[in-house]
Amino acid sequence: GKVVEGVYAIGDVNGKMMLAHAASGQGISAVENMCGRENVLNHNSIPAACFTHPEISFCGLTEAQAKEAGHEVAISKTSFKANSKALAELDSDGLAKLVYNPKSGEIYGVHIIGIHAADLIQEASNAIAKGMTVHDLKFCVHTHPTLSEVVDELFKGAKVEAHVPVTV
């Protein structure tokens, strides 16, 4: 498409993400820009979900997309099998995958298949939106026993180069 100053296209018409919540985010961003407050919506941070059984959700890039973009890629994976809440709900089939940079900890994408995946993706979505890294998230404390511990395990399982301050 052609960029025309002062014209804003939100929702399905711009062809970026045909999701109601994406259109809402684009609308907020457009209004902020119209009011002179620069706002750029990171479309990689917008979550998507499929309400199947099990649920499927994702935000950001897949492993293949991150590699195609030239990023150095590492993966952290976990399952719902040992999650206390999933076991209590008798629904422990599922897995989660984190795609990230092993040096900087930048989060490229998160993919979840399992019970309440559409709810669980939000933490990763917000992290990508705010530019948070694996290092920022791996020390967060999650309530036990909850499904959110699946996402917690993803971040805690990520191997990122140490961020050790240099002392003189």
N, C-alpha and C. Protein backbone atom coordinates (compact mmCIF):
# COMPACT_ATOMS: atom_id res chain seq x y z
N GLY A 1 0.79 -1.18 0.00
CA GLY A 1 0.00 0.00 0.00
C GLY A 1 0.84 1.25 0.00
N LYS A 2 0.20 2.31 -0.30
CA LYS A 2 0.83 3.62 -0.37
C LYS A 2 0.57 4.37 0.93
N VAL A 3 1.60 5.01 1.46
CA VAL A 3 1.46 5.82 2.66
C VAL A 3 0.99 7.21 2.26
N VAL A 4 -0.12 7.64 2.83
CA VAL A 4 -0.66 8.97 2.57
C VAL A 4 -0.74 9.68 3.91
N GLU A 5 -0.02 10.80 4.02
CA GLU A 5 0.02 11.54 5.27
C GLU A 5 -1.39 11.95 5.69
N GLY A 6 -1.70 11.69 6.95
CA GLY A 6 -3.00 12.08 7.50
C GLY A 6 -4.12 11.08 7.27
N VAL A 7 -3.83 9.98 6.57
CA VAL A 7 -4.84 8.94 6.34
C VAL A 7 -4.43 7.70 7.14
N TYR A 8 -5.35 7.20 7.93
CA TYR A 8 -5.09 6.04 8.77
C TYR A 8 -6.04 4.91 8.40
N ALA A 9 -5.50 3.71 8.22
CA ALA A 9 -6.32 2.54 7.89
C ALA A 9 -6.18 1.52 9.02
N ILE A 10 -7.30 1.20 9.65
CA ILE A 10 -7.26 0.23 10.75
C ILE A 10 -8.15 -0.96 10.40
N GLY A 11 -7.88 -2.07 11.06
CA GLY A 11 -8.71 -3.25 10.88
C GLY A 11 -8.41 -4.00 9.60
N ASP A 12 -9.40 -4.75 9.14
CA ASP A 12 -9.22 -5.64 7.99
C ASP A 12 -8.74 -4.91 6.74
N VAL A 13 -9.09 -3.64 6.59
CA VAL A 13 -8.76 -2.89 5.37
C VAL A 13 -7.24 -2.77 5.16
N ASN A 14 -6.44 -2.80 6.23
CA ASN A 14 -5.00 -2.67 6.04
C ASN A 14 -4.31 -4.02 5.81
N GLY A 15 -5.04 -5.11 6.00
CA GLY A 15 -4.51 -6.43 5.69
C GLY A 15 -3.42 -6.96 6.60
N LYS A 16 -3.19 -6.31 7.73
CA LYS A 16 -2.10 -6.76 8.61
C LYS A 16 -2.51 -7.95 9.48
N MET A 17 -3.53 -7.79 10.26
CA MET A 17 -4.04 -8.87 11.12
C MET A 17 -5.55 -8.73 11.17
N MET A 18 -6.25 -9.69 10.69
CA MET A 18 -7.71 -9.59 10.63
C MET A 18 -8.33 -10.16 11.90
N LEU A 19 -8.08 -9.46 13.00
CA LEU A 19 -8.59 -9.82 14.31
C LEU A 19 -9.19 -8.57 14.95
N ALA A 20 -10.32 -8.73 15.63
CA ALA A 20 -11.01 -7.58 16.24
C ALA A 20 -10.10 -6.83 17.21
N HIS A 21 -9.35 -7.56 18.03
CA HIS A 21 -8.50 -6.89 19.01
C HIS A 21 -7.30 -6.21 18.34
N ALA A 22 -6.88 -6.70 17.18
CA ALA A 22 -5.82 -6.01 16.42
C ALA A 22 -6.35 -4.67 15.91
N ALA A 23 -7.58 -4.68 15.39
CA ALA A 23 -8.21 -3.44 14.91
C ALA A 23 -8.35 -2.43 16.04
N SER A 24 -8.71 -2.91 17.22
CA SER A 24 -8.83 -2.02 18.38
C SER A 24 -7.49 -1.37 18.71
N GLY A 25 -6.43 -2.18 18.74
CA GLY A 25 -5.10 -1.64 19.01
C GLY A 25 -4.65 -0.66 17.94
N GLN A 26 -4.96 -0.98 16.68
CA GLN A 26 -4.61 -0.08 15.58
C GLN A 26 -5.38 1.24 15.69
N GLY A 27 -6.63 1.15 16.11
CA GLY A 27 -7.45 2.36 16.28
C GLY A 27 -6.89 3.27 17.35
N ILE A 28 -6.50 2.68 18.47
CA ILE A 28 -5.90 3.47 19.56
C ILE A 28 -4.61 4.12 19.07
N SER A 29 -3.79 3.36 18.36
CA SER A 29 -2.54 3.89 17.84
C SER A 29 -2.80 5.03 16.85
N ALA A 30 -3.80 4.87 15.99
CA ALA A 30 -4.14 5.92 15.02
C ALA A 30 -4.57 7.20 15.72
N VAL A 31 -5.43 7.08 16.72
CA VAL A 31 -5.90 8.27 17.45
C VAL A 31 -4.74 8.95 18.17
N GLU A 32 -3.87 8.17 18.80
CA GLU A 32 -2.71 8.76 19.47
C GLU A 32 -1.87 9.57 18.47
N ASN A 33 -1.64 9.01 17.30
CA ASN A 33 -0.85 9.70 16.27
C ASN A 33 -1.58 10.94 15.75
N MET A 34 -2.90 10.87 15.60
CA MET A 34 -3.68 12.03 15.16
C MET A 34 -3.57 13.18 16.17
N CYS A 35 -3.41 12.82 17.43
CA CYS A 35 -3.31 13.82 18.49
C CYS A 35 -1.87 14.28 18.72
N GLY A 36 -0.97 13.83 17.86
CA GLY A 36 0.42 14.28 17.96
C GLY A 36 1.27 13.49 18.94
N ARG A 37 0.75 12.38 19.43
CA ARG A 37 1.51 11.54 20.36
C ARG A 37 1.94 10.29 19.60
N GLU A 38 3.23 10.25 19.21
CA GLU A 38 3.71 9.14 18.38
C GLU A 38 3.46 7.79 19.06
N ASN A 39 2.84 6.90 18.31
CA ASN A 39 2.54 5.57 18.81
C ASN A 39 2.67 4.58 17.66
N VAL A 40 3.55 3.61 17.83
CA VAL A 40 3.73 2.57 16.83
C VAL A 40 3.32 1.24 17.44
N LEU A 41 2.34 0.60 16.85
CA LEU A 41 1.85 -0.68 17.33
C LEU A 41 2.75 -1.80 16.81
N ASN A 42 3.29 -2.60 17.72
CA ASN A 42 4.11 -3.74 17.35
C ASN A 42 3.19 -4.92 17.05
N HIS A 43 2.97 -5.21 15.78
CA HIS A 43 2.05 -6.28 15.41
C HIS A 43 2.53 -7.66 15.86
N ASN A 44 3.84 -7.82 16.11
CA ASN A 44 4.33 -9.09 16.64
C ASN A 44 3.83 -9.34 18.06
N SER A 45 3.40 -8.29 18.73
CA SER A 45 2.93 -8.45 20.11
C SER A 45 1.45 -8.82 20.19
N ILE A 46 0.75 -8.75 19.09
CA ILE A 46 -0.69 -9.02 19.12
C ILE A 46 -0.93 -10.52 19.15
N PRO A 47 -1.63 -11.00 20.18
CA PRO A 47 -1.87 -12.44 20.28
C PRO A 47 -2.99 -12.90 19.35
N ALA A 48 -2.92 -14.17 18.98
CA ALA A 48 -3.99 -14.79 18.20
C ALA A 48 -4.33 -16.11 18.88
N ALA A 49 -5.59 -16.52 18.74
CA ALA A 49 -6.02 -17.76 19.40
C ALA A 49 -7.03 -18.49 18.54
N CYS A 50 -7.02 -19.79 18.69
CA CYS A 50 -7.99 -20.67 18.04
C CYS A 50 -8.68 -21.44 19.16
N PHE A 51 -9.99 -21.26 19.27
CA PHE A 51 -10.73 -21.83 20.39
C PHE A 51 -11.19 -23.25 20.10
N THR A 52 -10.19 -24.11 19.89
CA THR A 52 -10.42 -25.53 19.66
C THR A 52 -10.17 -26.27 20.97
N HIS A 53 -10.21 -27.58 20.92
CA HIS A 53 -9.82 -28.36 22.10
C HIS A 53 -8.71 -29.30 21.67
N PRO A 54 -7.48 -29.06 22.10
CA PRO A 54 -7.07 -28.00 23.02
C PRO A 54 -6.98 -26.64 22.30
N GLU A 55 -6.99 -25.59 23.10
CA GLU A 55 -6.84 -24.24 22.54
C GLU A 55 -5.44 -24.07 21.99
N ILE A 56 -5.32 -23.17 21.01
CA ILE A 56 -4.03 -22.84 20.41
C ILE A 56 -3.89 -21.32 20.46
N SER A 57 -2.71 -20.84 20.84
CA SER A 57 -2.48 -19.40 20.83
C SER A 57 -1.03 -19.12 20.47
N PHE A 58 -0.80 -17.91 19.98
CA PHE A 58 0.57 -17.52 19.66
C PHE A 58 0.66 -16.00 19.58
N CYS A 59 1.89 -15.53 19.69
CA CYS A 59 2.21 -14.14 19.35
C CYS A 59 3.65 -14.14 18.85
N GLY A 60 3.96 -13.20 18.00
CA GLY A 60 5.31 -13.09 17.48
C GLY A 60 5.63 -14.06 16.37
N LEU A 61 6.92 -14.34 16.23
CA LEU A 61 7.42 -15.15 15.13
C LEU A 61 7.52 -16.63 15.50
N THR A 62 7.40 -17.47 14.49
CA THR A 62 7.70 -18.89 14.67
C THR A 62 9.22 -19.05 14.62
N GLU A 63 9.69 -20.22 14.98
CA GLU A 63 11.13 -20.51 14.90
C GLU A 63 11.63 -20.31 13.47
N ALA A 64 10.89 -20.84 12.50
CA ALA A 64 11.28 -20.71 11.09
C ALA A 64 11.31 -19.25 10.64
N GLN A 65 10.30 -18.48 11.03
CA GLN A 65 10.26 -17.05 10.64
C GLN A 65 11.42 -16.28 11.25
N ALA A 66 11.75 -16.57 12.51
CA ALA A 66 12.87 -15.88 13.17
C ALA A 66 14.19 -16.20 12.47
N LYS A 67 14.37 -17.46 12.09
CA LYS A 67 15.60 -17.84 11.37
C LYS A 67 15.64 -17.20 9.99
N GLU A 68 14.51 -17.19 9.29
CA GLU A 68 14.44 -16.56 7.96
C GLU A 68 14.76 -15.07 8.04
N ALA A 69 14.43 -14.44 9.16
CA ALA A 69 14.70 -13.02 9.35
C ALA A 69 16.16 -12.77 9.73
N GLY A 70 16.95 -13.85 9.86
CA GLY A 70 18.37 -13.71 10.16
C GLY A 70 18.70 -13.64 11.63
N HIS A 71 17.75 -13.92 12.49
CA HIS A 71 17.99 -13.87 13.93
C HIS A 71 18.71 -15.12 14.41
N GLU A 72 19.55 -14.94 15.42
CA GLU A 72 20.11 -16.09 16.13
C GLU A 72 18.99 -16.59 17.04
N VAL A 73 18.69 -17.88 16.98
CA VAL A 73 17.49 -18.41 17.62
C VAL A 73 17.81 -19.52 18.61
N ALA A 74 17.15 -19.47 19.74
CA ALA A 74 17.16 -20.56 20.72
C ALA A 74 15.71 -20.85 21.08
N ILE A 75 15.48 -22.03 21.61
CA ILE A 75 14.13 -22.49 21.93
C ILE A 75 14.07 -22.96 23.38
N SER A 76 12.97 -22.66 24.03
CA SER A 76 12.65 -23.25 25.33
C SER A 76 11.28 -23.88 25.18
N LYS A 77 11.13 -25.11 25.65
CA LYS A 77 9.85 -25.81 25.56
C LYS A 77 9.46 -26.37 26.92
N THR A 78 8.18 -26.47 27.13
CA THR A 78 7.67 -27.14 28.33
C THR A 78 6.31 -27.74 27.99
N SER A 79 5.82 -28.57 28.87
CA SER A 79 4.52 -29.19 28.64
C SER A 79 3.60 -28.91 29.83
N PHE A 80 2.37 -29.30 29.69
CA PHE A 80 1.38 -29.14 30.76
C PHE A 80 1.36 -30.37 31.66
N LYS A 81 2.12 -31.41 31.33
CA LYS A 81 2.06 -32.72 32.00
C LYS A 81 2.31 -32.65 33.50
N ALA A 82 3.21 -31.78 33.94
CA ALA A 82 3.53 -31.70 35.36
C ALA A 82 2.88 -30.50 36.04
N ASN A 83 2.03 -29.78 35.33
CA ASN A 83 1.38 -28.60 35.90
C ASN A 83 0.24 -29.03 36.81
N SER A 84 0.31 -28.62 38.07
CA SER A 84 -0.68 -29.05 39.07
C SER A 84 -2.11 -28.68 38.70
N LYS A 85 -2.31 -27.48 38.21
CA LYS A 85 -3.66 -27.03 37.85
C LYS A 85 -4.20 -27.83 36.67
N ALA A 86 -3.37 -28.05 35.65
CA ALA A 86 -3.79 -28.84 34.49
C ALA A 86 -4.14 -30.26 34.91
N LEU A 87 -3.36 -30.82 35.81
CA LEU A 87 -3.65 -32.17 36.32
C LEU A 87 -4.96 -32.19 37.09
N ALA A 88 -5.19 -31.17 37.91
CA ALA A 88 -6.43 -31.08 38.69
C ALA A 88 -7.64 -30.92 37.77
N GLU A 89 -7.45 -30.25 36.64
CA GLU A 89 -8.53 -30.05 35.67
C GLU A 89 -8.70 -31.26 34.74
N LEU A 90 -7.84 -32.28 34.93
CA LEU A 90 -7.84 -33.48 34.08
C LEU A 90 -7.65 -33.12 32.61
N ASP A 91 -6.78 -32.13 32.37
CA ASP A 91 -6.54 -31.64 31.01
C ASP A 91 -5.07 -31.25 30.87
N SER A 92 -4.19 -32.22 30.99
CA SER A 92 -2.75 -31.91 31.00
C SER A 92 -2.06 -32.16 29.66
N ASP A 93 -2.85 -32.34 28.60
CA ASP A 93 -2.24 -32.44 27.26
C ASP A 93 -1.96 -31.03 26.77
N GLY A 94 -0.74 -30.76 26.42
CA GLY A 94 -0.41 -29.44 25.90
C GLY A 94 1.06 -29.16 26.00
N LEU A 95 1.48 -28.15 25.25
CA LEU A 95 2.87 -27.74 25.29
C LEU A 95 2.98 -26.26 24.99
N ALA A 96 4.13 -25.73 25.32
CA ALA A 96 4.41 -24.31 25.07
C ALA A 96 5.84 -24.18 24.56
N LYS A 97 6.05 -23.21 23.69
CA LYS A 97 7.36 -23.01 23.07
C LYS A 97 7.69 -21.53 23.04
N LEU A 98 8.91 -21.21 23.43
CA LEU A 98 9.43 -19.85 23.42
C LEU A 98 10.54 -19.78 22.38
N VAL A 99 10.47 -18.79 21.50
CA VAL A 99 11.50 -18.54 20.49
C VAL A 99 12.19 -17.24 20.90
N TYR A 100 13.51 -17.30 21.12
CA TYR A 100 14.20 -16.12 21.66
C TYR A 100 15.65 -16.06 21.19
N ASN A 101 16.30 -14.93 21.47
CA ASN A 101 17.71 -14.73 21.15
C ASN A 101 18.54 -15.17 22.35
N PRO A 102 19.47 -16.14 22.18
CA PRO A 102 20.22 -16.65 23.32
C PRO A 102 21.25 -15.68 23.89
N LYS A 103 21.58 -14.64 23.15
CA LYS A 103 22.54 -13.66 23.64
C LYS A 103 21.85 -12.50 24.36
N SER A 104 20.85 -11.91 23.70
CA SER A 104 20.19 -10.73 24.26
C SER A 104 18.97 -11.07 25.10
N GLY A 105 18.39 -12.25 24.87
CA GLY A 105 17.16 -12.61 25.57
C GLY A 105 15.91 -12.03 24.92
N GLU A 106 16.07 -11.36 23.75
CA GLU A 106 14.90 -10.81 23.07
C GLU A 106 13.91 -11.93 22.75
N ILE A 107 12.65 -11.66 23.00
CA ILE A 107 11.61 -12.65 22.75
C ILE A 107 11.08 -12.44 21.34
N TYR A 108 11.19 -13.49 20.51
CA TYR A 108 10.69 -13.42 19.14
C TYR A 108 9.26 -13.94 19.02
N GLY A 109 8.91 -14.94 19.82
CA GLY A 109 7.56 -15.49 19.73
C GLY A 109 7.29 -16.52 20.80
N VAL A 110 6.02 -16.73 21.07
CA VAL A 110 5.57 -17.76 22.03
C VAL A 110 4.36 -18.44 21.41
N HIS A 111 4.33 -19.77 21.56
CA HIS A 111 3.27 -20.59 20.99
C HIS A 111 2.79 -21.56 22.06
N ILE A 112 1.49 -21.64 22.27
CA ILE A 112 0.94 -22.48 23.33
C ILE A 112 -0.21 -23.31 22.77
N ILE A 113 -0.21 -24.59 23.10
CA ILE A 113 -1.32 -25.48 22.80
C ILE A 113 -1.70 -26.15 24.11
N GLY A 114 -2.94 -25.94 24.55
CA GLY A 114 -3.37 -26.56 25.80
C GLY A 114 -4.52 -25.79 26.43
N ILE A 115 -4.94 -26.28 27.58
CA ILE A 115 -6.05 -25.68 28.31
C ILE A 115 -5.79 -24.20 28.57
N HIS A 116 -6.74 -23.36 28.22
CA HIS A 116 -6.69 -21.90 28.42
C HIS A 116 -5.49 -21.23 27.75
N ALA A 117 -5.02 -21.78 26.65
CA ALA A 117 -3.89 -21.19 25.92
C ALA A 117 -4.17 -19.74 25.53
N ALA A 118 -5.42 -19.44 25.18
CA ALA A 118 -5.78 -18.08 24.77
C ALA A 118 -5.59 -17.07 25.90
N ASP A 119 -5.75 -17.52 27.13
CA ASP A 119 -5.52 -16.65 28.29
C ASP A 119 -4.03 -16.57 28.63
N LEU A 120 -3.35 -17.69 28.51
CA LEU A 120 -1.94 -17.76 28.91
C LEU A 120 -1.01 -16.95 28.01
N ILE A 121 -1.39 -16.72 26.77
CA ILE A 121 -0.51 -16.03 25.83
C ILE A 121 -0.34 -14.55 26.18
N GLN A 122 -1.24 -13.99 26.97
CA GLN A 122 -1.23 -12.55 27.22
C GLN A 122 0.06 -12.06 27.87
N GLU A 123 0.62 -12.84 28.79
CA GLU A 123 1.86 -12.42 29.44
C GLU A 123 2.98 -12.25 28.41
N ALA A 124 3.09 -13.19 27.49
CA ALA A 124 4.11 -13.10 26.45
C ALA A 124 3.82 -11.93 25.50
N SER A 125 2.56 -11.74 25.18
CA SER A 125 2.16 -10.64 24.30
C SER A 125 2.57 -9.29 24.90
N ASN A 126 2.27 -9.11 26.17
CA ASN A 126 2.63 -7.86 26.85
C ASN A 126 4.15 -7.69 26.92
N ALA A 127 4.86 -8.79 27.14
CA ALA A 127 6.32 -8.73 27.22
C ALA A 127 6.92 -8.28 25.89
N ILE A 128 6.41 -8.83 24.78
CA ILE A 128 6.90 -8.42 23.46
C ILE A 128 6.54 -6.96 23.20
N ALA A 129 5.33 -6.55 23.56
CA ALA A 129 4.89 -5.16 23.35
C ALA A 129 5.78 -4.17 24.09
N LYS A 130 6.24 -4.54 25.27
CA LYS A 130 7.04 -3.64 26.10
C LYS A 130 8.54 -3.84 25.92
N GLY A 131 8.94 -4.74 25.00
CA GLY A 131 10.36 -4.96 24.76
C GLY A 131 11.08 -5.66 25.89
N MET A 132 10.34 -6.40 26.69
CA MET A 132 10.96 -7.13 27.80
C MET A 132 11.74 -8.32 27.26
N THR A 133 12.73 -8.75 28.00
CA THR A 133 13.56 -9.88 27.60
C THR A 133 13.28 -11.09 28.49
N VAL A 134 13.84 -12.22 28.09
CA VAL A 134 13.74 -13.43 28.92
C VAL A 134 14.30 -13.13 30.30
N HIS A 135 15.41 -12.40 30.35
CA HIS A 135 16.03 -12.08 31.64
C HIS A 135 15.08 -11.27 32.53
N ASP A 136 14.30 -10.37 31.93
CA ASP A 136 13.34 -9.57 32.70
C ASP A 136 12.26 -10.45 33.32
N LEU A 137 11.91 -11.54 32.65
CA LEU A 137 10.76 -12.35 33.06
C LEU A 137 11.11 -13.59 33.87
N LYS A 138 12.33 -14.07 33.76
CA LYS A 138 12.63 -15.36 34.39
C LYS A 138 12.65 -15.30 35.91
N PHE A 139 12.67 -14.11 36.49
CA PHE A 139 12.67 -14.00 37.95
C PHE A 139 11.32 -13.57 38.51
N CYS A 140 10.31 -13.49 37.66
CA CYS A 140 8.96 -13.18 38.12
C CYS A 140 8.40 -14.39 38.86
N VAL A 141 7.55 -14.13 39.83
CA VAL A 141 6.93 -15.20 40.61
C VAL A 141 5.49 -15.38 40.15
N HIS A 142 5.11 -16.61 39.90
CA HIS A 142 3.75 -16.94 39.46
C HIS A 142 3.02 -17.70 40.56
N THR A 143 1.74 -17.48 40.65
CA THR A 143 0.91 -18.13 41.66
C THR A 143 0.92 -19.64 41.47
N HIS A 144 0.94 -20.36 42.59
CA HIS A 144 0.88 -21.83 42.55
C HIS A 144 -0.34 -22.29 43.33
N PRO A 145 -1.10 -23.21 42.84
CA PRO A 145 -0.99 -23.89 41.56
C PRO A 145 -1.86 -23.21 40.51
N THR A 146 -1.26 -22.73 39.44
CA THR A 146 -2.02 -22.13 38.33
C THR A 146 -1.42 -22.56 37.00
N LEU A 147 -2.20 -22.38 35.95
CA LEU A 147 -1.72 -22.67 34.61
C LEU A 147 -0.62 -21.70 34.18
N SER A 148 -0.58 -20.51 34.80
CA SER A 148 0.44 -19.53 34.42
C SER A 148 1.85 -20.05 34.68
N GLU A 149 1.97 -21.07 35.49
CA GLU A 149 3.29 -21.66 35.74
C GLU A 149 3.88 -22.31 34.49
N VAL A 150 3.03 -22.66 33.53
CA VAL A 150 3.53 -23.19 32.25
C VAL A 150 4.37 -22.12 31.56
N VAL A 151 3.86 -20.90 31.51
CA VAL A 151 4.59 -19.78 30.90
C VAL A 151 5.83 -19.46 31.73
N ASP A 152 5.71 -19.51 33.03
CA ASP A 152 6.84 -19.29 33.93
C ASP A 152 7.97 -20.27 33.62
N GLU A 153 7.63 -21.53 33.43
CA GLU A 153 8.64 -22.55 33.11
C GLU A 153 9.33 -22.27 31.78
N LEU A 154 8.60 -21.72 30.82
CA LEU A 154 9.21 -21.36 29.53
C LEU A 154 10.35 -20.37 29.74
N PHE A 155 10.07 -19.31 30.49
CA PHE A 155 11.07 -18.27 30.69
C PHE A 155 12.21 -18.75 31.58
N LYS A 156 11.90 -19.49 32.62
CA LYS A 156 12.94 -20.00 33.51
C LYS A 156 13.82 -21.04 32.81
N GLY A 157 13.28 -21.73 31.82
CA GLY A 157 14.04 -22.74 31.08
C GLY A 157 14.90 -22.18 29.97
N ALA A 158 14.75 -20.91 29.67
CA ALA A 158 15.52 -20.29 28.59
C ALA A 158 16.97 -20.06 29.03
N LYS A 159 17.89 -20.42 28.18
CA LYS A 159 19.32 -20.25 28.46
C LYS A 159 19.81 -18.99 27.74
N VAL A 160 20.07 -17.95 28.54
CA VAL A 160 20.53 -16.67 28.01
C VAL A 160 21.89 -16.37 28.61
N GLU A 161 22.79 -15.80 27.80
CA GLU A 161 24.11 -15.43 28.32
C GLU A 161 23.95 -14.57 29.56
N ALA A 162 24.80 -14.81 30.54
CA ALA A 162 24.70 -14.12 31.83
C ALA A 162 24.85 -12.61 31.67
N HIS A 163 24.07 -11.91 32.44
CA HIS A 163 24.15 -10.44 32.49
C HIS A 163 24.87 -10.06 33.78
N VAL A 164 26.18 -10.26 33.78
CA VAL A 164 26.97 -10.01 34.97
C VAL A 164 27.64 -8.64 34.83
N PRO A 165 27.39 -7.74 35.79
CA PRO A 165 28.03 -6.43 35.69
C PRO A 165 29.54 -6.54 35.87
N VAL A 166 30.26 -5.72 35.14
CA VAL A 166 31.72 -5.71 35.24
C VAL A 166 32.11 -4.83 36.41
N THR A 167 32.97 -5.35 37.28
CA THR A 167 33.45 -4.55 38.42
C THR A 167 34.92 -4.25 38.22
N VAL A 168 35.35 -3.09 38.67
CA VAL A 168 36.74 -2.67 38.50
C VAL A 168 37.46 -2.74 39.81
